[in-house]
Amino acid sequence: AGLTVLSAVFMGSFSIAAADTGIP
C-alpha cells in the first residue's frame, strides 16, 4: 500500500509530519 501512502505523505513539497517538534 506504500505508494498510495507515500504519495499522501511526500508528494509535492515533501511533507514529513514529525510529532512533538515544537512547531507553534
mmCIF file of all heavy atoms, coordinates in Angstrom:
data_MODEL
# 
_entry.id   MODEL 
# 
loop_
_atom_site.group_PDB 
_atom_site.id 
_atom_site.type_symbol 
_atom_site.label_atom_id 
_atom_site.label_alt_id 
_atom_site.label_comp_id 
_atom_site.label_asym_id 
_atom_site.label_entity_id 
_atom_site.label_seq_id 
_atom_site.pdbx_PDB_ins_code 
_atom_site.Cartn_x 
_atom_site.Cartn_y 
_atom_site.Cartn_z 
_atom_site.occupancy 
_atom_site.B_iso_or_equiv 
_atom_site.pdbx_formal_charge 
_atom_site.auth_seq_id 
_atom_site.auth_comp_id 
_atom_site.auth_asym_id 
_atom_site.auth_atom_id 
_atom_site.pdbx_PDB_model_num 
ATOM 1   N N   . ALA A 1 1  ? 0.815  -1.209 0.000  1.00 0.00 ? 1  ALA A N   1 
ATOM 2   C CA  . ALA A 1 1  ? 0.000  0.000  0.000  1.00 0.00 ? 1  ALA A CA  1 
ATOM 3   C C   . ALA A 1 1  ? 0.849  1.259  0.000  1.00 0.00 ? 1  ALA A C   1 
ATOM 4   O O   . ALA A 1 1  ? 0.336  2.367  -0.084 1.00 0.00 ? 1  ALA A O   1 
ATOM 5   C CB  . ALA A 1 1  ? -0.910 0.026  1.230  1.00 0.00 ? 1  ALA A CB  1 
ATOM 6   N N   . GLY A 1 2  ? 2.144  1.062  0.078  1.00 0.00 ? 2  GLY A N   1 
ATOM 7   C CA  . GLY A 1 2  ? 3.054  2.167  0.349  1.00 0.00 ? 2  GLY A CA  1 
ATOM 8   C C   . GLY A 1 2  ? 3.031  3.301  -0.645 1.00 0.00 ? 2  GLY A C   1 
ATOM 9   O O   . GLY A 1 2  ? 3.219  4.464  -0.273 1.00 0.00 ? 2  GLY A O   1 
ATOM 10  N N   . LEU A 1 3  ? 2.838  2.998  -1.928 1.00 0.00 ? 3  LEU A N   1 
ATOM 11  C CA  . LEU A 1 3  ? 2.871  4.053  -2.915 1.00 0.00 ? 3  LEU A CA  1 
ATOM 12  C C   . LEU A 1 3  ? 1.786  5.074  -2.650 1.00 0.00 ? 3  LEU A C   1 
ATOM 13  O O   . LEU A 1 3  ? 2.021  6.286  -2.719 1.00 0.00 ? 3  LEU A O   1 
ATOM 14  C CB  . LEU A 1 3  ? 2.729  3.476  -4.323 1.00 0.00 ? 3  LEU A CB  1 
ATOM 15  C CG  . LEU A 1 3  ? 2.912  4.480  -5.462 1.00 0.00 ? 3  LEU A CG  1 
ATOM 16  C CD1 . LEU A 1 3  ? 4.301  5.089  -5.405 1.00 0.00 ? 3  LEU A CD1 1 
ATOM 17  C CD2 . LEU A 1 3  ? 2.689  3.812  -6.809 1.00 0.00 ? 3  LEU A CD2 1 
ATOM 18  N N   . THR A 1 4  ? 0.578  4.578  -2.331 1.00 0.00 ? 4  THR A N   1 
ATOM 19  C CA  . THR A 1 4  ? -0.520 5.480  -2.007 1.00 0.00 ? 4  THR A CA  1 
ATOM 20  C C   . THR A 1 4  ? -0.194 6.298  -0.776 1.00 0.00 ? 4  THR A C   1 
ATOM 21  O O   . THR A 1 4  ? -0.407 7.500  -0.718 1.00 0.00 ? 4  THR A O   1 
ATOM 22  C CB  . THR A 1 4  ? -1.821 4.702  -1.776 1.00 0.00 ? 4  THR A CB  1 
ATOM 23  O OG1 . THR A 1 4  ? -2.134 3.961  -2.942 1.00 0.00 ? 4  THR A OG1 1 
ATOM 24  C CG2 . THR A 1 4  ? -2.971 5.656  -1.453 1.00 0.00 ? 4  THR A CG2 1 
ATOM 25  N N   . VAL A 1 5  ? 0.337  5.600  0.241  1.00 0.00 ? 5  VAL A N   1 
ATOM 26  C CA  . VAL A 1 5  ? 0.677  6.269  1.483  1.00 0.00 ? 5  VAL A CA  1 
ATOM 27  C C   . VAL A 1 5  ? 1.751  7.320  1.263  1.00 0.00 ? 5  VAL A C   1 
ATOM 28  O O   . VAL A 1 5  ? 1.633  8.460  1.702  1.00 0.00 ? 5  VAL A O   1 
ATOM 29  C CB  . VAL A 1 5  ? 1.141  5.249  2.533  1.00 0.00 ? 5  VAL A CB  1 
ATOM 30  C CG1 . VAL A 1 5  ? 1.570  5.974  3.799  1.00 0.00 ? 5  VAL A CG1 1 
ATOM 31  C CG2 . VAL A 1 5  ? 0.027  4.257  2.839  1.00 0.00 ? 5  VAL A CG2 1 
ATOM 32  N N   . LEU A 1 6  ? 2.811  6.902  0.575  1.00 0.00 ? 6  LEU A N   1 
ATOM 33  C CA  . LEU A 1 6  ? 3.902  7.824  0.338  1.00 0.00 ? 6  LEU A CA  1 
ATOM 34  C C   . LEU A 1 6  ? 3.461  9.021  -0.492 1.00 0.00 ? 6  LEU A C   1 
ATOM 35  O O   . LEU A 1 6  ? 3.935  10.134 -0.285 1.00 0.00 ? 6  LEU A O   1 
ATOM 36  C CB  . LEU A 1 6  ? 5.061  7.111  -0.355 1.00 0.00 ? 6  LEU A CB  1 
ATOM 37  C CG  . LEU A 1 6  ? 5.817  6.124  0.524  1.00 0.00 ? 6  LEU A CG  1 
ATOM 38  C CD1 . LEU A 1 6  ? 6.770  5.322  -0.321 1.00 0.00 ? 6  LEU A CD1 1 
ATOM 39  C CD2 . LEU A 1 6  ? 6.577  6.841  1.628  1.00 0.00 ? 6  LEU A CD2 1 
ATOM 40  N N   . SER A 1 7  ? 2.557  8.774  -1.429 1.00 0.00 ? 7  SER A N   1 
ATOM 41  C CA  . SER A 1 7  ? 2.042  9.888  -2.214 1.00 0.00 ? 7  SER A CA  1 
ATOM 42  C C   . SER A 1 7  ? 1.347  10.900 -1.318 1.00 0.00 ? 7  SER A C   1 
ATOM 43  O O   . SER A 1 7  ? 1.508  12.096 -1.476 1.00 0.00 ? 7  SER A O   1 
ATOM 44  C CB  . SER A 1 7  ? 1.068  9.379  -3.278 1.00 0.00 ? 7  SER A CB  1 
ATOM 45  O OG  . SER A 1 7  ? 1.723  8.537  -4.200 1.00 0.00 ? 7  SER A OG  1 
ATOM 46  N N   . ALA A 1 8  ? 0.579  10.392 -0.352 1.00 0.00 ? 8  ALA A N   1 
ATOM 47  C CA  . ALA A 1 8  ? -0.121 11.274 0.562  1.00 0.00 ? 8  ALA A CA  1 
ATOM 48  C C   . ALA A 1 8  ? 0.835  12.004 1.479  1.00 0.00 ? 8  ALA A C   1 
ATOM 49  O O   . ALA A 1 8  ? 0.620  13.161 1.844  1.00 0.00 ? 8  ALA A O   1 
ATOM 50  C CB  . ALA A 1 8  ? -1.124 10.475 1.406  1.00 0.00 ? 8  ALA A CB  1 
ATOM 51  N N   . VAL A 1 9  ? 1.924  11.334 1.853  1.00 0.00 ? 9  VAL A N   1 
ATOM 52  C CA  . VAL A 1 9  ? 2.848  11.897 2.826  1.00 0.00 ? 9  VAL A CA  1 
ATOM 53  C C   . VAL A 1 9  ? 3.878  12.797 2.189  1.00 0.00 ? 9  VAL A C   1 
ATOM 54  O O   . VAL A 1 9  ? 4.195  13.864 2.687  1.00 0.00 ? 9  VAL A O   1 
ATOM 55  C CB  . VAL A 1 9  ? 3.562  10.771 3.604  1.00 0.00 ? 9  VAL A CB  1 
ATOM 56  C CG1 . VAL A 1 9  ? 4.579  11.367 4.570  1.00 0.00 ? 9  VAL A CG1 1 
ATOM 57  C CG2 . VAL A 1 9  ? 2.549  9.925  4.365  1.00 0.00 ? 9  VAL A CG2 1 
ATOM 58  N N   . PHE A 1 10 ? 4.413  12.379 1.019  1.00 0.00 ? 10 PHE A N   1 
ATOM 59  C CA  . PHE A 1 10 ? 5.572  13.042 0.457  1.00 0.00 ? 10 PHE A CA  1 
ATOM 60  C C   . PHE A 1 10 ? 5.341  13.867 -0.786 1.00 0.00 ? 10 PHE A C   1 
ATOM 61  O O   . PHE A 1 10 ? 6.085  14.796 -1.067 1.00 0.00 ? 10 PHE A O   1 
ATOM 62  C CB  . PHE A 1 10 ? 6.650  12.018 0.113  1.00 0.00 ? 10 PHE A CB  1 
ATOM 63  C CG  . PHE A 1 10 ? 7.259  11.371 1.304  1.00 0.00 ? 10 PHE A CG  1 
ATOM 64  C CD1 . PHE A 1 10 ? 7.014  10.045 1.578  1.00 0.00 ? 10 PHE A CD1 1 
ATOM 65  C CD2 . PHE A 1 10 ? 8.073  12.081 2.151  1.00 0.00 ? 10 PHE A CD2 1 
ATOM 66  C CE1 . PHE A 1 10 ? 7.592  9.436  2.677  1.00 0.00 ? 10 PHE A CE1 1 
ATOM 67  C CE2 . PHE A 1 10 ? 8.653  11.480 3.238  1.00 0.00 ? 10 PHE A CE2 1 
ATOM 68  C CZ  . PHE A 1 10 ? 8.407  10.147 3.511  1.00 0.00 ? 10 PHE A CZ  1 
ATOM 69  N N   . MET A 1 11 ? 4.410  13.517 -1.624 1.00 0.00 ? 11 MET A N   1 
ATOM 70  C CA  . MET A 1 11 ? 4.314  14.103 -2.945 1.00 0.00 ? 11 MET A CA  1 
ATOM 71  C C   . MET A 1 11 ? 4.162  15.620 -2.887 1.00 0.00 ? 11 MET A C   1 
ATOM 72  O O   . MET A 1 11 ? 3.563  16.161 -1.993 1.00 0.00 ? 11 MET A O   1 
ATOM 73  C CB  . MET A 1 11 ? 3.143  13.498 -3.724 1.00 0.00 ? 11 MET A CB  1 
ATOM 74  C CG  . MET A 1 11 ? 3.417  12.090 -4.230 1.00 0.00 ? 11 MET A CG  1 
ATOM 75  S SD  . MET A 1 11 ? 4.825  12.076 -5.359 1.00 0.00 ? 11 MET A SD  1 
ATOM 76  C CE  . MET A 1 11 ? 4.794  10.341 -5.849 1.00 0.00 ? 11 MET A CE  1 
ATOM 77  N N   . GLY A 1 12 ? 4.669  16.281 -3.895 1.00 0.00 ? 12 GLY A N   1 
ATOM 78  C CA  . GLY A 1 12 ? 4.586  17.732 -3.973 1.00 0.00 ? 12 GLY A CA  1 
ATOM 79  C C   . GLY A 1 12 ? 5.742  18.369 -3.273 1.00 0.00 ? 12 GLY A C   1 
ATOM 80  O O   . GLY A 1 12 ? 6.841  18.427 -3.797 1.00 0.00 ? 12 GLY A O   1 
ATOM 81  N N   . SER A 1 13 ? 5.526  18.852 -2.078 1.00 0.00 ? 13 SER A N   1 
ATOM 82  C CA  . SER A 1 13 ? 6.545  19.633 -1.398 1.00 0.00 ? 13 SER A CA  1 
ATOM 83  C C   . SER A 1 13 ? 7.295  18.844 -0.351 1.00 0.00 ? 13 SER A C   1 
ATOM 84  O O   . SER A 1 13 ? 7.962  19.449 0.499  1.00 0.00 ? 13 SER A O   1 
ATOM 85  C CB  . SER A 1 13 ? 5.892  20.851 -0.735 1.00 0.00 ? 13 SER A CB  1 
ATOM 86  O OG  . SER A 1 13 ? 4.926  20.440 0.197  1.00 0.00 ? 13 SER A OG  1 
ATOM 87  N N   . PHE A 1 14 ? 7.207  17.524 -0.347 1.00 0.00 ? 14 PHE A N   1 
ATOM 88  C CA  . PHE A 1 14 ? 7.951  16.714 0.598  1.00 0.00 ? 14 PHE A CA  1 
ATOM 89  C C   . PHE A 1 14 ? 7.550  17.035 2.023  1.00 0.00 ? 14 PHE A C   1 
ATOM 90  O O   . PHE A 1 14 ? 8.254  17.673 2.783  1.00 0.00 ? 14 PHE A O   1 
ATOM 91  C CB  . PHE A 1 14 ? 9.455  16.931 0.393  1.00 0.00 ? 14 PHE A CB  1 
ATOM 92  C CG  . PHE A 1 14 ? 10.329 16.237 1.395  1.00 0.00 ? 14 PHE A CG  1 
ATOM 93  C CD1 . PHE A 1 14 ? 10.143 14.922 1.681  1.00 0.00 ? 14 PHE A CD1 1 
ATOM 94  C CD2 . PHE A 1 14 ? 11.338 16.930 2.026  1.00 0.00 ? 14 PHE A CD2 1 
ATOM 95  C CE1 . PHE A 1 14 ? 10.965 14.298 2.604  1.00 0.00 ? 14 PHE A CE1 1 
ATOM 96  C CE2 . PHE A 1 14 ? 12.159 16.319 2.949  1.00 0.00 ? 14 PHE A CE2 1 
ATOM 97  C CZ  . PHE A 1 14 ? 11.975 14.999 3.241  1.00 0.00 ? 14 PHE A CZ  1 
ATOM 98  N N   . SER A 1 15 ? 6.390  16.586 2.421  1.00 0.00 ? 15 SER A N   1 
ATOM 99  C CA  . SER A 1 15 ? 5.785  16.948 3.690  1.00 0.00 ? 15 SER A CA  1 
ATOM 100 C C   . SER A 1 15 ? 5.882  15.819 4.695  1.00 0.00 ? 15 SER A C   1 
ATOM 101 O O   . SER A 1 15 ? 5.010  14.982 4.765  1.00 0.00 ? 15 SER A O   1 
ATOM 102 C CB  . SER A 1 15 ? 4.309  17.316 3.456  1.00 0.00 ? 15 SER A CB  1 
ATOM 103 O OG  . SER A 1 15 ? 3.639  17.502 4.578  1.00 0.00 ? 15 SER A OG  1 
ATOM 104 N N   . ILE A 1 16 ? 6.952  15.804 5.487  1.00 0.00 ? 16 ILE A N   1 
ATOM 105 C CA  . ILE A 1 16 ? 7.104  14.833 6.553  1.00 0.00 ? 16 ILE A CA  1 
ATOM 106 C C   . ILE A 1 16 ? 6.495  15.377 7.820  1.00 0.00 ? 16 ILE A C   1 
ATOM 107 O O   . ILE A 1 16 ? 6.900  16.427 8.302  1.00 0.00 ? 16 ILE A O   1 
ATOM 108 C CB  . ILE A 1 16 ? 8.571  14.490 6.805  1.00 0.00 ? 16 ILE A CB  1 
ATOM 109 C CG1 . ILE A 1 16 ? 9.199  13.902 5.538  1.00 0.00 ? 16 ILE A CG1 1 
ATOM 110 C CG2 . ILE A 1 16 ? 8.728  13.540 7.962  1.00 0.00 ? 16 ILE A CG2 1 
ATOM 111 C CD1 . ILE A 1 16 ? 10.660 13.673 5.669  1.00 0.00 ? 16 ILE A CD1 1 
ATOM 112 N N   . ALA A 1 17 ? 5.524  14.720 8.378  1.00 0.00 ? 17 ALA A N   1 
ATOM 113 C CA  . ALA A 1 17 ? 4.904  15.150 9.620  1.00 0.00 ? 17 ALA A CA  1 
ATOM 114 C C   . ALA A 1 17 ? 5.656  14.554 10.787 1.00 0.00 ? 17 ALA A C   1 
ATOM 115 O O   . ALA A 1 17 ? 5.665  13.353 10.982 1.00 0.00 ? 17 ALA A O   1 
ATOM 116 C CB  . ALA A 1 17 ? 3.431  14.739 9.657  1.00 0.00 ? 17 ALA A CB  1 
ATOM 117 N N   . ALA A 1 18 ? 6.302  15.374 11.558 1.00 0.00 ? 18 ALA A N   1 
ATOM 118 C CA  . ALA A 1 18 ? 7.081  14.917 12.701 1.00 0.00 ? 18 ALA A CA  1 
ATOM 119 C C   . ALA A 1 18 ? 6.356  15.278 13.985 1.00 0.00 ? 18 ALA A C   1 
ATOM 120 O O   . ALA A 1 18 ? 5.955  16.418 14.187 1.00 0.00 ? 18 ALA A O   1 
ATOM 121 C CB  . ALA A 1 18 ? 8.460  15.562 12.691 1.00 0.00 ? 18 ALA A CB  1 
ATOM 122 N N   . ALA A 1 19 ? 6.125  14.317 14.853 1.00 0.00 ? 19 ALA A N   1 
ATOM 123 C CA  . ALA A 1 19 ? 5.447  14.556 16.114 1.00 0.00 ? 19 ALA A CA  1 
ATOM 124 C C   . ALA A 1 19 ? 6.368  15.225 17.108 1.00 0.00 ? 19 ALA A C   1 
ATOM 125 O O   . ALA A 1 19 ? 7.578  15.016 17.103 1.00 0.00 ? 19 ALA A O   1 
ATOM 126 C CB  . ALA A 1 19 ? 4.938  13.233 16.682 1.00 0.00 ? 19 ALA A CB  1 
ATOM 127 N N   . ASP A 1 20 ? 5.754  16.061 17.977 1.00 0.00 ? 20 ASP A N   1 
ATOM 128 C CA  . ASP A 1 20 ? 6.477  16.697 19.070 1.00 0.00 ? 20 ASP A CA  1 
ATOM 129 C C   . ASP A 1 20 ? 7.724  17.453 18.606 1.00 0.00 ? 20 ASP A C   1 
ATOM 130 O O   . ASP A 1 20 ? 8.800  17.331 19.159 1.00 0.00 ? 20 ASP A O   1 
ATOM 131 C CB  . ASP A 1 20 ? 6.874  15.653 20.127 1.00 0.00 ? 20 ASP A CB  1 
ATOM 132 C CG  . ASP A 1 20 ? 5.675  14.935 20.698 1.00 0.00 ? 20 ASP A CG  1 
ATOM 133 O OD1 . ASP A 1 20 ? 4.642  15.602 20.944 1.00 0.00 ? 20 ASP A OD1 1 
ATOM 134 O OD2 . ASP A 1 20 ? 5.763  13.725 20.904 1.00 0.00 ? 20 ASP A OD2 1 
ATOM 135 N N   . THR A 1 21 ? 7.561  18.250 17.584 1.00 0.00 ? 21 THR A N   1 
ATOM 136 C CA  . THR A 1 21 ? 8.677  19.020 17.065 1.00 0.00 ? 21 THR A CA  1 
ATOM 137 C C   . THR A 1 21 ? 8.715  20.443 17.600 1.00 0.00 ? 21 THR A C   1 
ATOM 138 O O   . THR A 1 21 ? 9.607  21.212 17.247 1.00 0.00 ? 21 THR A O   1 
ATOM 139 C CB  . THR A 1 21 ? 8.622  19.075 15.534 1.00 0.00 ? 21 THR A CB  1 
ATOM 140 O OG1 . THR A 1 21 ? 7.363  19.632 15.131 1.00 0.00 ? 21 THR A OG1 1 
ATOM 141 C CG2 . THR A 1 21 ? 8.807  17.706 14.933 1.00 0.00 ? 21 THR A CG2 1 
ATOM 142 N N   . GLY A 1 22 ? 7.743  20.782 18.427 1.00 0.00 ? 22 GLY A N   1 
ATOM 143 C CA  . GLY A 1 22 ? 7.720  22.130 18.969 1.00 0.00 ? 22 GLY A CA  1 
ATOM 144 C C   . GLY A 1 22 ? 7.257  23.184 18.005 1.00 0.00 ? 22 GLY A C   1 
ATOM 145 O O   . GLY A 1 22 ? 7.494  24.379 18.192 1.00 0.00 ? 22 GLY A O   1 
ATOM 146 N N   . ILE A 1 23 ? 6.585  22.802 16.928 1.00 0.00 ? 23 ILE A N   1 
ATOM 147 C CA  . ILE A 1 23 ? 6.059  23.756 15.961 1.00 0.00 ? 23 ILE A CA  1 
ATOM 148 C C   . ILE A 1 23 ? 4.933  24.540 16.606 1.00 0.00 ? 23 ILE A C   1 
ATOM 149 O O   . ILE A 1 23 ? 3.994  23.961 17.137 1.00 0.00 ? 23 ILE A O   1 
ATOM 150 C CB  . ILE A 1 23 ? 5.547  23.036 14.705 1.00 0.00 ? 23 ILE A CB  1 
ATOM 151 C CG1 . ILE A 1 23 ? 6.703  22.346 13.990 1.00 0.00 ? 23 ILE A CG1 1 
ATOM 152 C CG2 . ILE A 1 23 ? 4.852  24.014 13.765 1.00 0.00 ? 23 ILE A CG2 1 
ATOM 153 C CD1 . ILE A 1 23 ? 6.280  21.499 12.822 1.00 0.00 ? 23 ILE A CD1 1 
ATOM 154 N N   . PRO A 1 24 ? 5.001  25.865 16.602 1.00 0.00 ? 24 PRO A N   1 
ATOM 155 C CA  . PRO A 1 24 ? 3.975  26.649 17.277 1.00 0.00 ? 24 PRO A CA  1 
ATOM 156 C C   . PRO A 1 24 ? 2.644  26.598 16.556 1.00 0.00 ? 24 PRO A C   1 
ATOM 157 O O   . PRO A 1 24 ? 2.582  26.472 15.340 1.00 0.00 ? 24 PRO A O   1 
ATOM 158 C CB  . PRO A 1 24 ? 4.544  28.071 17.255 1.00 0.00 ? 24 PRO A CB  1 
ATOM 159 C CG  . PRO A 1 24 ? 5.480  28.084 16.100 1.00 0.00 ? 24 PRO A CG  1 
ATOM 160 C CD  . PRO A 1 24 ? 6.044  26.698 16.004 1.00 0.00 ? 24 PRO A CD  1 
# 
